[in-house]
Amino acid sequence: MKKSRYTDSQIMAILKQAEAGTPVPELCREHGMSAASFYKWRVKYGGMDASLMARMKELEEENRRLKKMYAEERLLKAEIIQEAMEKSGKAV
């Protein structure tokens, strides 16, 4: 996953500025970012505080690791089945 140029605290500060009434185009110009980035952050992090944001990132990382482990386990099972089928085919 691509690493953001902005830290969690910077993203939260930008979102809080928008909640306080600063126009989005002005925020984007000030922070050198696209409006698309702002709206993506607002959808993903809107209403969160810093602790919730950190917890969400931890859960995303754990989910990524679990998905990788599951994929590796499925591959290993497929290889074992393939080997067993080859051995049973030779024995016949």
N, C-alpha and C. Protein backbone atom coordinates (compact mmCIF):
# COMPACT_ATOMS: atom_id res chain seq x y z
N MET A 1 0.84 -1.16 0.00
CA MET A 1 0.00 0.00 0.00
C MET A 1 0.89 1.24 0.00
N LYS A 2 0.46 2.25 -0.75
CA LYS A 2 1.24 3.48 -0.85
C LYS A 2 1.21 4.24 0.48
N LYS A 3 2.36 4.75 0.87
CA LYS A 3 2.50 5.52 2.11
C LYS A 3 2.04 6.96 1.86
N SER A 4 1.22 7.47 2.75
CA SER A 4 0.71 8.83 2.63
C SER A 4 1.80 9.85 2.96
N ARG A 5 1.73 10.98 2.29
CA ARG A 5 2.65 12.08 2.61
C ARG A 5 2.27 12.74 3.93
N TYR A 6 1.05 12.52 4.35
CA TYR A 6 0.52 13.20 5.52
C TYR A 6 0.41 12.23 6.70
N THR A 7 0.78 12.71 7.87
CA THR A 7 0.64 11.88 9.07
C THR A 7 -0.82 11.88 9.51
N ASP A 8 -1.13 10.96 10.41
CA ASP A 8 -2.50 10.89 10.92
C ASP A 8 -2.91 12.20 11.58
N SER A 9 -2.01 12.79 12.32
CA SER A 9 -2.35 14.04 13.00
C SER A 9 -2.57 15.18 12.00
N GLN A 10 -1.82 15.18 10.90
CA GLN A 10 -2.02 16.21 9.88
C GLN A 10 -3.39 16.03 9.21
N ILE A 11 -3.74 14.78 8.92
CA ILE A 11 -5.04 14.52 8.30
C ILE A 11 -6.16 14.97 9.22
N MET A 12 -6.03 14.62 10.51
CA MET A 12 -7.06 15.03 11.47
C MET A 12 -7.17 16.55 11.56
N ALA A 13 -6.03 17.24 11.53
CA ALA A 13 -6.04 18.70 11.61
C ALA A 13 -6.72 19.30 10.38
N ILE A 14 -6.44 18.75 9.21
CA ILE A 14 -7.06 19.24 7.97
C ILE A 14 -8.58 19.03 8.03
N LEU A 15 -9.01 17.86 8.47
CA LEU A 15 -10.44 17.58 8.57
C LEU A 15 -11.12 18.50 9.59
N LYS A 16 -10.43 18.79 10.68
CA LYS A 16 -10.99 19.69 11.69
C LYS A 16 -11.12 21.12 11.15
N GLN A 17 -10.13 21.54 10.33
CA GLN A 17 -10.21 22.86 9.71
C GLN A 17 -11.45 22.95 8.82
N ALA A 18 -11.72 21.88 8.08
CA ALA A 18 -12.89 21.86 7.19
C ALA A 18 -14.17 21.90 8.01
N GLU A 19 -14.21 21.18 9.12
CA GLU A 19 -15.39 21.20 10.00
C GLU A 19 -15.61 22.59 10.59
N ALA A 20 -14.52 23.32 10.80
CA ALA A 20 -14.61 24.66 11.37
C ALA A 20 -15.10 25.69 10.34
N GLY A 21 -15.19 25.27 9.06
CA GLY A 21 -15.74 26.18 8.06
C GLY A 21 -14.79 26.64 6.98
N THR A 22 -13.54 26.22 7.01
CA THR A 22 -12.60 26.60 5.96
C THR A 22 -13.02 25.92 4.65
N PRO A 23 -13.13 26.68 3.56
CA PRO A 23 -13.53 26.08 2.28
C PRO A 23 -12.52 25.02 1.81
N VAL A 24 -13.04 23.96 1.23
CA VAL A 24 -12.19 22.84 0.80
C VAL A 24 -11.14 23.27 -0.23
N PRO A 25 -11.51 24.06 -1.26
CA PRO A 25 -10.46 24.47 -2.21
C PRO A 25 -9.30 25.23 -1.55
N GLU A 26 -9.64 26.04 -0.55
CA GLU A 26 -8.60 26.79 0.17
C GLU A 26 -7.70 25.83 0.96
N LEU A 27 -8.31 24.85 1.63
CA LEU A 27 -7.53 23.85 2.36
C LEU A 27 -6.60 23.09 1.43
N CYS A 28 -7.12 22.69 0.29
CA CYS A 28 -6.32 21.93 -0.67
C CYS A 28 -5.13 22.74 -1.17
N ARG A 29 -5.37 24.00 -1.46
CA ARG A 29 -4.28 24.87 -1.90
C ARG A 29 -3.25 25.06 -0.79
N GLU A 30 -3.72 25.30 0.40
CA GLU A 30 -2.84 25.55 1.55
C GLU A 30 -1.95 24.35 1.86
N HIS A 31 -2.51 23.14 1.75
CA HIS A 31 -1.76 21.94 2.12
C HIS A 31 -1.17 21.19 0.93
N GLY A 32 -1.40 21.70 -0.27
CA GLY A 32 -0.82 21.10 -1.47
C GLY A 32 -1.35 19.70 -1.76
N MET A 33 -2.65 19.55 -1.69
CA MET A 33 -3.26 18.24 -1.93
C MET A 33 -4.45 18.40 -2.85
N SER A 34 -4.93 17.29 -3.36
CA SER A 34 -6.09 17.34 -4.26
C SER A 34 -7.38 17.28 -3.45
N ALA A 35 -8.43 17.77 -4.06
CA ALA A 35 -9.74 17.70 -3.42
C ALA A 35 -10.16 16.24 -3.26
N ALA A 36 -9.76 15.39 -4.20
CA ALA A 36 -10.10 13.97 -4.11
C ALA A 36 -9.52 13.36 -2.84
N SER A 37 -8.28 13.72 -2.51
CA SER A 37 -7.67 13.21 -1.28
C SER A 37 -8.47 13.65 -0.06
N PHE A 38 -8.86 14.92 -0.06
CA PHE A 38 -9.63 15.44 1.08
C PHE A 38 -10.92 14.66 1.25
N TYR A 39 -11.67 14.48 0.16
CA TYR A 39 -12.96 13.80 0.27
C TYR A 39 -12.80 12.33 0.62
N LYS A 40 -11.73 11.71 0.14
CA LYS A 40 -11.46 10.31 0.50
C LYS A 40 -11.18 10.21 2.00
N TRP A 41 -10.39 11.14 2.53
CA TRP A 41 -10.09 11.16 3.96
C TRP A 41 -11.37 11.39 4.76
N ARG A 42 -12.21 12.31 4.28
CA ARG A 42 -13.43 12.63 5.01
C ARG A 42 -14.35 11.41 5.10
N VAL A 43 -14.43 10.65 4.01
CA VAL A 43 -15.25 9.44 4.02
C VAL A 43 -14.65 8.41 4.97
N LYS A 44 -13.33 8.25 4.90
CA LYS A 44 -12.68 7.20 5.68
C LYS A 44 -12.53 7.56 7.16
N TYR A 45 -12.15 8.80 7.46
CA TYR A 45 -11.82 9.19 8.84
C TYR A 45 -12.80 10.17 9.47
N GLY A 46 -13.82 10.59 8.76
CA GLY A 46 -14.75 11.58 9.30
C GLY A 46 -15.36 11.14 10.61
N GLY A 47 -15.36 11.98 11.60
CA GLY A 47 -15.95 11.67 12.89
C GLY A 47 -15.04 10.90 13.84
N MET A 48 -13.84 10.56 13.40
CA MET A 48 -12.92 9.81 14.26
C MET A 48 -12.00 10.77 15.01
N ASP A 49 -11.49 10.27 16.13
CA ASP A 49 -10.42 11.00 16.79
C ASP A 49 -9.13 10.23 16.52
N ALA A 50 -8.02 10.72 17.02
CA ALA A 50 -6.71 10.13 16.71
C ALA A 50 -6.59 8.69 17.21
N SER A 51 -7.17 8.39 18.37
CA SER A 51 -7.05 7.03 18.90
C SER A 51 -7.84 6.03 18.04
N LEU A 52 -9.02 6.43 17.58
CA LEU A 52 -9.80 5.55 16.71
C LEU A 52 -9.10 5.34 15.37
N MET A 53 -8.47 6.40 14.89
CA MET A 53 -7.75 6.32 13.62
C MET A 53 -6.58 5.34 13.75
N ALA A 54 -5.85 5.41 14.84
CA ALA A 54 -4.73 4.50 15.07
C ALA A 54 -5.22 3.07 15.20
N ARG A 55 -6.32 2.86 15.91
CA ARG A 55 -6.88 1.52 16.07
C ARG A 55 -7.33 0.94 14.73
N MET A 56 -7.94 1.78 13.90
CA MET A 56 -8.38 1.32 12.59
C MET A 56 -7.18 0.87 11.74
N LYS A 57 -6.09 1.63 11.81
CA LYS A 57 -4.89 1.26 11.06
C LYS A 57 -4.30 -0.06 11.57
N GLU A 58 -4.32 -0.26 12.89
CA GLU A 58 -3.84 -1.53 13.46
C GLU A 58 -4.69 -2.69 12.94
N LEU A 59 -6.00 -2.50 12.93
CA LEU A 59 -6.89 -3.56 12.46
C LEU A 59 -6.69 -3.85 10.97
N GLU A 60 -6.46 -2.80 10.19
CA GLU A 60 -6.20 -3.01 8.75
C GLU A 60 -4.93 -3.81 8.55
N GLU A 61 -3.90 -3.52 9.34
CA GLU A 61 -2.63 -4.26 9.23
C GLU A 61 -2.83 -5.71 9.65
N GLU A 62 -3.56 -5.94 10.73
CA GLU A 62 -3.82 -7.31 11.17
C GLU A 62 -4.61 -8.07 10.12
N ASN A 63 -5.59 -7.42 9.52
CA ASN A 63 -6.39 -8.04 8.47
C ASN A 63 -5.52 -8.41 7.27
N ARG A 64 -4.59 -7.54 6.90
CA ARG A 64 -3.68 -7.82 5.79
C ARG A 64 -2.83 -9.06 6.09
N ARG A 65 -2.31 -9.14 7.32
CA ARG A 65 -1.49 -10.30 7.70
C ARG A 65 -2.31 -11.58 7.68
N LEU A 66 -3.54 -11.52 8.19
CA LEU A 66 -4.40 -12.71 8.21
C LEU A 66 -4.75 -13.17 6.80
N LYS A 67 -5.02 -12.23 5.92
CA LYS A 67 -5.31 -12.60 4.52
C LYS A 67 -4.11 -13.27 3.87
N LYS A 68 -2.93 -12.77 4.16
CA LYS A 68 -1.71 -13.36 3.61
C LYS A 68 -1.52 -14.78 4.16
N MET A 69 -1.73 -14.96 5.47
CA MET A 69 -1.60 -16.28 6.07
C MET A 69 -2.61 -17.26 5.46
N TYR A 70 -3.83 -16.81 5.24
CA TYR A 70 -4.87 -17.66 4.66
C TYR A 70 -4.49 -18.08 3.24
N ALA A 71 -3.99 -17.13 2.45
CA ALA A 71 -3.59 -17.44 1.08
C ALA A 71 -2.44 -18.44 1.07
N GLU A 72 -1.48 -18.28 1.96
CA GLU A 72 -0.36 -19.22 2.03
C GLU A 72 -0.84 -20.61 2.45
N GLU A 73 -1.78 -20.67 3.39
CA GLU A 73 -2.30 -21.95 3.84
C GLU A 73 -3.05 -22.65 2.72
N ARG A 74 -3.85 -21.92 1.96
CA ARG A 74 -4.58 -22.50 0.83
C ARG A 74 -3.60 -23.04 -0.22
N LEU A 75 -2.55 -22.31 -0.49
CA LEU A 75 -1.55 -22.75 -1.46
C LEU A 75 -0.87 -24.03 -0.98
N LEU A 76 -0.52 -24.08 0.28
CA LEU A 76 0.12 -25.27 0.84
C LEU A 76 -0.81 -26.48 0.75
N LYS A 77 -2.09 -26.31 1.08
CA LYS A 77 -3.05 -27.40 0.97
C LYS A 77 -3.16 -27.89 -0.47
N ALA A 78 -3.20 -26.97 -1.42
CA ALA A 78 -3.30 -27.34 -2.83
C ALA A 78 -2.08 -28.14 -3.26
N GLU A 79 -0.90 -27.73 -2.80
CA GLU A 79 0.32 -28.46 -3.14
C GLU A 79 0.31 -29.87 -2.54
N ILE A 80 -0.16 -30.02 -1.30
CA ILE A 80 -0.23 -31.33 -0.65
C ILE A 80 -1.20 -32.24 -1.40
N ILE A 81 -2.33 -31.71 -1.77
CA ILE A 81 -3.32 -32.50 -2.52
C ILE A 81 -2.74 -32.92 -3.87
N GLN A 82 -2.06 -32.00 -4.54
CA GLN A 82 -1.45 -32.31 -5.83
C GLN A 82 -0.42 -33.43 -5.69
N GLU A 83 0.42 -33.36 -4.69
CA GLU A 83 1.43 -34.40 -4.45
C GLU A 83 0.76 -35.74 -4.15
N ALA A 84 -0.28 -35.73 -3.34
CA ALA A 84 -0.98 -36.96 -2.99
C ALA A 84 -1.63 -37.59 -4.23
N MET A 85 -2.18 -36.75 -5.09
CA MET A 85 -2.79 -37.27 -6.32
C MET A 85 -1.74 -37.87 -7.26
N GLU A 86 -0.58 -37.22 -7.33
CA GLU A 86 0.49 -37.74 -8.18
C GLU A 86 1.00 -39.08 -7.66
N LYS A 87 1.14 -39.20 -6.34
CA LYS A 87 1.63 -40.45 -5.75
C LYS A 87 0.60 -41.56 -5.94
N SER A 88 -0.68 -41.26 -5.76
CA SER A 88 -1.71 -42.30 -5.92
C SER A 88 -1.83 -42.70 -7.39
N GLY A 89 -1.57 -41.79 -8.30
CA GLY A 89 -1.59 -42.11 -9.72
C GLY A 89 -0.47 -43.02 -10.13
N LYS A 90 0.71 -42.85 -9.54
CA LYS A 90 1.88 -43.69 -9.84
C LYS A 90 1.72 -45.09 -9.26
N ALA A 91 1.04 -45.20 -8.11
CA ALA A 91 0.90 -46.49 -7.44
C ALA A 91 -0.09 -47.39 -8.16
N VAL A 92 -0.98 -46.85 -8.94
CA VAL A 92 -2.02 -47.65 -9.62
C VAL A 92 -1.49 -48.38 -10.78
